[in-house]
Amino acid sequence: LQPNATLYIRNLHEKKTIKSLTLALSSLFKPYGEILDVRVKRNVKARGQAFVIFAEMESATKAKSEVHQFPLFGKPMDIQYARDQSFKTSEREGTLEEHKKRRAEE
């Protein structure tokens, strides 16, 4: 996957609340740079997954290398770059409509 400002995280503790996971991820990743959003998945099929969206790709890259396999709530996180950049990133870059169109075609 191409490096980008959005990290995809899986193997999160499935019994923790969305709020507690969001707060924990925000605190853990904040030292690496400005975070635009933290999205913890709510639906049953995607439980244990989240996205952390940084303002800068460099922040995401540093966080990915330093936090990968960190045991959050006793489970080592698997961190990868997201398949595609987030809507928030596209919005900041002025490419949101193009992004929506491309996603609709997938």
N, C-alpha and C. Protein backbone atom coordinates (compact mmCIF):
# COMPACT_ATOMS: atom_id res chain seq x y z
N LEU A 1 0.83 -1.19 0.00
CA LEU A 1 0.00 0.00 0.00
C LEU A 1 0.87 1.24 0.00
N GLN A 2 0.38 2.26 -0.68
CA GLN A 2 1.12 3.52 -0.76
C GLN A 2 1.05 4.26 0.58
N PRO A 3 2.18 4.83 1.01
CA PRO A 3 2.14 5.65 2.23
C PRO A 3 1.17 6.81 2.05
N ASN A 4 0.39 7.07 3.09
CA ASN A 4 -0.48 8.24 3.10
C ASN A 4 -0.73 8.64 4.54
N ALA A 5 -1.52 9.67 4.75
CA ALA A 5 -1.70 10.24 6.09
C ALA A 5 -2.71 9.48 6.95
N THR A 6 -3.32 8.43 6.40
CA THR A 6 -4.32 7.67 7.15
C THR A 6 -3.79 6.27 7.47
N LEU A 7 -3.84 5.93 8.75
CA LEU A 7 -3.42 4.61 9.18
C LEU A 7 -4.64 3.73 9.46
N TYR A 8 -4.55 2.49 9.03
CA TYR A 8 -5.58 1.49 9.29
C TYR A 8 -5.05 0.60 10.41
N ILE A 9 -5.83 0.47 11.47
CA ILE A 9 -5.40 -0.29 12.63
C ILE A 9 -6.39 -1.42 12.87
N ARG A 10 -5.85 -2.62 13.09
CA ARG A 10 -6.73 -3.74 13.41
C ARG A 10 -6.15 -4.51 14.59
N ASN A 11 -6.88 -5.49 15.04
CA ASN A 11 -6.56 -6.28 16.22
C ASN A 11 -6.73 -5.46 17.50
N LEU A 12 -7.72 -4.56 17.49
CA LEU A 12 -8.03 -3.80 18.69
C LEU A 12 -8.95 -4.65 19.58
N HIS A 13 -8.96 -4.34 20.86
CA HIS A 13 -9.77 -5.09 21.82
C HIS A 13 -11.25 -4.87 21.50
N GLU A 14 -11.94 -5.94 21.16
CA GLU A 14 -13.33 -5.85 20.70
C GLU A 14 -14.34 -5.60 21.81
N LYS A 15 -13.96 -5.80 23.05
CA LYS A 15 -14.89 -5.61 24.16
C LYS A 15 -14.84 -4.19 24.74
N LYS A 16 -13.90 -3.39 24.30
CA LYS A 16 -13.80 -2.00 24.77
C LYS A 16 -14.82 -1.14 24.03
N THR A 17 -15.26 -0.07 24.68
CA THR A 17 -16.23 0.82 24.05
C THR A 17 -15.55 1.65 22.96
N ILE A 18 -16.36 2.15 22.06
CA ILE A 18 -15.83 3.01 21.00
C ILE A 18 -15.18 4.24 21.61
N LYS A 19 -15.81 4.79 22.63
CA LYS A 19 -15.27 5.99 23.28
C LYS A 19 -13.90 5.71 23.91
N SER A 20 -13.77 4.59 24.62
CA SER A 20 -12.48 4.30 25.27
C SER A 20 -11.39 4.02 24.24
N LEU A 21 -11.73 3.34 23.15
CA LEU A 21 -10.74 3.09 22.09
C LEU A 21 -10.34 4.40 21.40
N THR A 22 -11.32 5.25 21.14
CA THR A 22 -11.04 6.54 20.49
C THR A 22 -10.11 7.38 21.35
N LEU A 23 -10.40 7.46 22.64
CA LEU A 23 -9.55 8.24 23.55
C LEU A 23 -8.15 7.65 23.65
N ALA A 24 -8.06 6.33 23.77
CA ALA A 24 -6.75 5.67 23.88
C ALA A 24 -5.92 5.88 22.62
N LEU A 25 -6.54 5.72 21.45
CA LEU A 25 -5.81 5.91 20.19
C LEU A 25 -5.38 7.36 20.02
N SER A 26 -6.26 8.29 20.37
CA SER A 26 -5.91 9.71 20.28
C SER A 26 -4.71 10.03 21.15
N SER A 27 -4.73 9.56 22.39
CA SER A 27 -3.61 9.80 23.31
C SER A 27 -2.32 9.16 22.83
N LEU A 28 -2.42 7.95 22.33
CA LEU A 28 -1.24 7.21 21.87
C LEU A 28 -0.59 7.86 20.65
N PHE A 29 -1.40 8.34 19.71
CA PHE A 29 -0.87 8.87 18.46
C PHE A 29 -0.62 10.37 18.47
N LYS A 30 -1.14 11.10 19.44
CA LYS A 30 -0.99 12.56 19.49
C LYS A 30 0.47 13.03 19.45
N PRO A 31 1.41 12.36 20.11
CA PRO A 31 2.80 12.83 20.07
C PRO A 31 3.44 12.82 18.67
N TYR A 32 2.83 12.14 17.72
CA TYR A 32 3.43 12.02 16.38
C TYR A 32 3.00 13.12 15.42
N GLY A 33 2.01 13.90 15.78
CA GLY A 33 1.59 15.00 14.92
C GLY A 33 0.11 15.29 15.05
N GLU A 34 -0.32 16.29 14.30
CA GLU A 34 -1.73 16.70 14.35
C GLU A 34 -2.63 15.59 13.82
N ILE A 35 -3.63 15.26 14.60
CA ILE A 35 -4.61 14.24 14.21
C ILE A 35 -5.88 14.94 13.77
N LEU A 36 -6.35 14.64 12.57
CA LEU A 36 -7.59 15.22 12.07
C LEU A 36 -8.80 14.45 12.58
N ASP A 37 -8.67 13.14 12.73
CA ASP A 37 -9.81 12.33 13.16
C ASP A 37 -9.34 10.93 13.56
N VAL A 38 -10.10 10.33 14.45
CA VAL A 38 -9.92 8.93 14.83
C VAL A 38 -11.28 8.27 14.63
N ARG A 39 -11.33 7.26 13.79
CA ARG A 39 -12.59 6.57 13.48
C ARG A 39 -12.49 5.12 13.93
N VAL A 40 -13.23 4.78 14.97
CA VAL A 40 -13.30 3.39 15.42
C VAL A 40 -14.55 2.79 14.80
N LYS A 41 -14.39 1.63 14.20
CA LYS A 41 -15.51 1.00 13.49
C LYS A 41 -16.55 0.48 14.48
N ARG A 42 -17.82 0.69 14.14
CA ARG A 42 -18.93 0.33 15.02
C ARG A 42 -19.61 -0.98 14.65
N ASN A 43 -19.64 -1.31 13.36
CA ASN A 43 -20.44 -2.47 12.96
C ASN A 43 -19.76 -3.79 13.34
N VAL A 44 -20.53 -4.83 13.42
CA VAL A 44 -20.06 -6.13 13.90
C VAL A 44 -18.91 -6.68 13.05
N LYS A 45 -19.02 -6.58 11.73
CA LYS A 45 -17.99 -7.13 10.85
C LYS A 45 -16.65 -6.39 10.98
N ALA A 46 -16.69 -5.12 11.36
CA ALA A 46 -15.47 -4.33 11.41
C ALA A 46 -14.99 -4.05 12.83
N ARG A 47 -15.56 -4.71 13.81
CA ARG A 47 -15.11 -4.50 15.19
C ARG A 47 -13.63 -4.78 15.32
N GLY A 48 -12.98 -4.02 16.19
CA GLY A 48 -11.55 -4.22 16.39
C GLY A 48 -10.70 -3.50 15.36
N GLN A 49 -11.33 -2.60 14.59
CA GLN A 49 -10.62 -1.86 13.55
C GLN A 49 -10.84 -0.36 13.74
N ALA A 50 -9.86 0.42 13.29
CA ALA A 50 -9.97 1.88 13.38
C ALA A 50 -9.10 2.53 12.32
N PHE A 51 -9.34 3.81 12.13
CA PHE A 51 -8.51 4.63 11.26
C PHE A 51 -8.06 5.84 12.05
N VAL A 52 -6.78 6.18 11.96
CA VAL A 52 -6.24 7.40 12.54
C VAL A 52 -5.79 8.26 11.37
N ILE A 53 -6.36 9.45 11.28
CA ILE A 53 -6.10 10.34 10.15
C ILE A 53 -5.23 11.50 10.63
N PHE A 54 -4.01 11.55 10.12
CA PHE A 54 -3.07 12.61 10.46
C PHE A 54 -3.16 13.74 9.43
N ALA A 55 -2.70 14.91 9.83
CA ALA A 55 -2.65 16.05 8.90
C ALA A 55 -1.52 15.86 7.90
N GLU A 56 -0.45 15.19 8.30
CA GLU A 56 0.73 15.03 7.44
C GLU A 56 1.11 13.56 7.30
N MET A 57 1.53 13.19 6.11
CA MET A 57 1.94 11.81 5.86
C MET A 57 3.16 11.44 6.70
N GLU A 58 4.07 12.38 6.92
CA GLU A 58 5.28 12.10 7.69
C GLU A 58 4.92 11.66 9.12
N SER A 59 3.90 12.29 9.68
CA SER A 59 3.46 11.92 11.04
C SER A 59 2.93 10.49 11.05
N ALA A 60 2.15 10.15 10.05
CA ALA A 60 1.60 8.79 9.96
C ALA A 60 2.72 7.76 9.80
N THR A 61 3.71 8.08 8.98
CA THR A 61 4.82 7.17 8.74
C THR A 61 5.61 6.91 10.02
N LYS A 62 5.90 7.98 10.76
CA LYS A 62 6.65 7.83 12.01
C LYS A 62 5.83 7.03 13.03
N ALA A 63 4.55 7.37 13.15
CA ALA A 63 3.68 6.65 14.10
C ALA A 63 3.58 5.17 13.74
N LYS A 64 3.44 4.89 12.45
CA LYS A 64 3.32 3.49 12.00
C LYS A 64 4.55 2.69 12.40
N SER A 65 5.73 3.25 12.18
CA SER A 65 6.95 2.49 12.48
C SER A 65 7.18 2.34 13.98
N GLU A 66 6.78 3.33 14.77
CA GLU A 66 7.08 3.28 16.20
C GLU A 66 5.99 2.62 17.05
N VAL A 67 4.76 2.60 16.57
CA VAL A 67 3.65 2.09 17.39
C VAL A 67 3.18 0.70 16.95
N HIS A 68 3.58 0.25 15.76
CA HIS A 68 3.17 -1.06 15.26
C HIS A 68 3.47 -2.14 16.30
N GLN A 69 2.48 -2.96 16.57
CA GLN A 69 2.54 -4.06 17.55
C GLN A 69 2.49 -3.59 19.01
N PHE A 70 2.23 -2.30 19.24
CA PHE A 70 2.07 -1.82 20.61
C PHE A 70 0.86 -2.52 21.23
N PRO A 71 0.99 -3.06 22.44
CA PRO A 71 -0.13 -3.79 23.04
C PRO A 71 -1.16 -2.86 23.70
N LEU A 72 -2.11 -2.38 22.93
CA LEU A 72 -3.17 -1.53 23.47
C LEU A 72 -4.24 -2.41 24.10
N PHE A 73 -4.50 -2.20 25.38
CA PHE A 73 -5.43 -3.04 26.15
C PHE A 73 -5.07 -4.52 26.03
N GLY A 74 -3.76 -4.80 25.98
CA GLY A 74 -3.29 -6.18 25.99
C GLY A 74 -3.25 -6.89 24.65
N LYS A 75 -3.61 -6.19 23.56
CA LYS A 75 -3.59 -6.81 22.22
C LYS A 75 -2.64 -6.01 21.32
N PRO A 76 -1.68 -6.68 20.68
CA PRO A 76 -0.75 -5.96 19.80
C PRO A 76 -1.47 -5.44 18.55
N MET A 77 -1.38 -4.14 18.33
CA MET A 77 -2.05 -3.53 17.18
C MET A 77 -1.30 -3.84 15.89
N ASP A 78 -2.05 -4.14 14.85
CA ASP A 78 -1.50 -4.30 13.51
C ASP A 78 -1.81 -3.00 12.77
N ILE A 79 -0.77 -2.29 12.36
CA ILE A 79 -0.95 -0.97 11.74
C ILE A 79 -0.42 -0.99 10.32
N GLN A 80 -1.26 -0.56 9.40
CA GLN A 80 -0.91 -0.45 7.98
C GLN A 80 -1.37 0.92 7.48
N TYR A 81 -0.87 1.31 6.31
CA TYR A 81 -1.44 2.49 5.68
C TYR A 81 -2.83 2.11 5.18
N ALA A 82 -3.75 3.05 5.21
CA ALA A 82 -5.09 2.80 4.68
C ALA A 82 -4.99 2.60 3.17
N ARG A 83 -5.93 1.85 2.63
CA ARG A 83 -5.95 1.56 1.20
C ARG A 83 -6.07 2.85 0.38
N ASP A 84 -6.81 3.81 0.90
CA ASP A 84 -7.04 5.07 0.21
C ASP A 84 -6.99 6.19 1.24
N GLN A 85 -6.73 7.40 0.78
CA GLN A 85 -6.73 8.50 1.74
C GLN A 85 -8.16 8.76 2.22
N SER A 86 -8.28 9.41 3.35
CA SER A 86 -9.59 9.64 3.95
C SER A 86 -10.31 10.80 3.27
N PHE A 87 -11.62 10.87 3.53
CA PHE A 87 -12.40 11.99 3.04
C PHE A 87 -11.88 13.30 3.63
N LYS A 88 -11.46 13.25 4.91
CA LYS A 88 -10.93 14.46 5.56
C LYS A 88 -9.69 14.98 4.83
N THR A 89 -8.80 14.07 4.44
CA THR A 89 -7.59 14.47 3.72
C THR A 89 -7.96 15.03 2.36
N SER A 90 -8.86 14.38 1.66
CA SER A 90 -9.30 14.86 0.35
C SER A 90 -9.94 16.23 0.45
N GLU A 91 -10.70 16.43 1.51
CA GLU A 91 -11.35 17.72 1.73
C GLU A 91 -10.30 18.81 1.93
N ARG A 92 -9.27 18.53 2.72
CA ARG A 92 -8.19 19.50 2.96
C ARG A 92 -7.42 19.82 1.70
N GLU A 93 -7.25 18.81 0.83
CA GLU A 93 -6.48 19.00 -0.40
C GLU A 93 -7.32 19.53 -1.56
N GLY A 94 -8.62 19.69 -1.33
CA GLY A 94 -9.49 20.21 -2.38
C GLY A 94 -9.83 19.18 -3.44
N THR A 95 -9.71 17.90 -3.12
CA THR A 95 -9.99 16.84 -4.10
C THR A 95 -11.15 15.95 -3.65
N LEU A 96 -12.03 16.47 -2.82
CA LEU A 96 -13.11 15.66 -2.25
C LEU A 96 -14.06 15.12 -3.31
N GLU A 97 -14.48 15.94 -4.25
CA GLU A 97 -15.42 15.48 -5.27
C GLU A 97 -14.81 14.37 -6.13
N GLU A 98 -13.55 14.53 -6.48
CA GLU A 98 -12.83 13.50 -7.25
C GLU A 98 -12.74 12.20 -6.43
N HIS A 99 -12.46 12.35 -5.15
CA HIS A 99 -12.36 11.20 -4.25
C HIS A 99 -13.70 10.46 -4.17
N LYS A 100 -14.79 11.21 -3.99
CA LYS A 100 -16.13 10.60 -3.92
C LYS A 100 -16.47 9.86 -5.21
N LYS A 101 -16.13 10.46 -6.34
CA LYS A 101 -16.42 9.85 -7.63
C LYS A 101 -15.65 8.54 -7.79
N ARG A 102 -14.36 8.56 -7.43
CA ARG A 102 -13.53 7.36 -7.54
C ARG A 102 -14.05 6.25 -6.62
N ARG A 103 -14.45 6.60 -5.41
CA ARG A 103 -14.97 5.60 -4.46
C ARG A 103 -16.29 5.01 -4.94
N ALA A 104 -17.12 5.84 -5.57
CA ALA A 104 -18.41 5.36 -6.09
C ALA A 104 -18.22 4.36 -7.22
N GLU A 105 -17.13 4.51 -7.96
CA GLU A 105 -16.84 3.61 -9.08
C GLU A 105 -16.29 2.27 -8.62
N GLU A 106 -15.77 2.20 -7.40
CA GLU A 106 -15.17 0.95 -6.89
C GLU A 106 -16.20 -0.09 -6.57
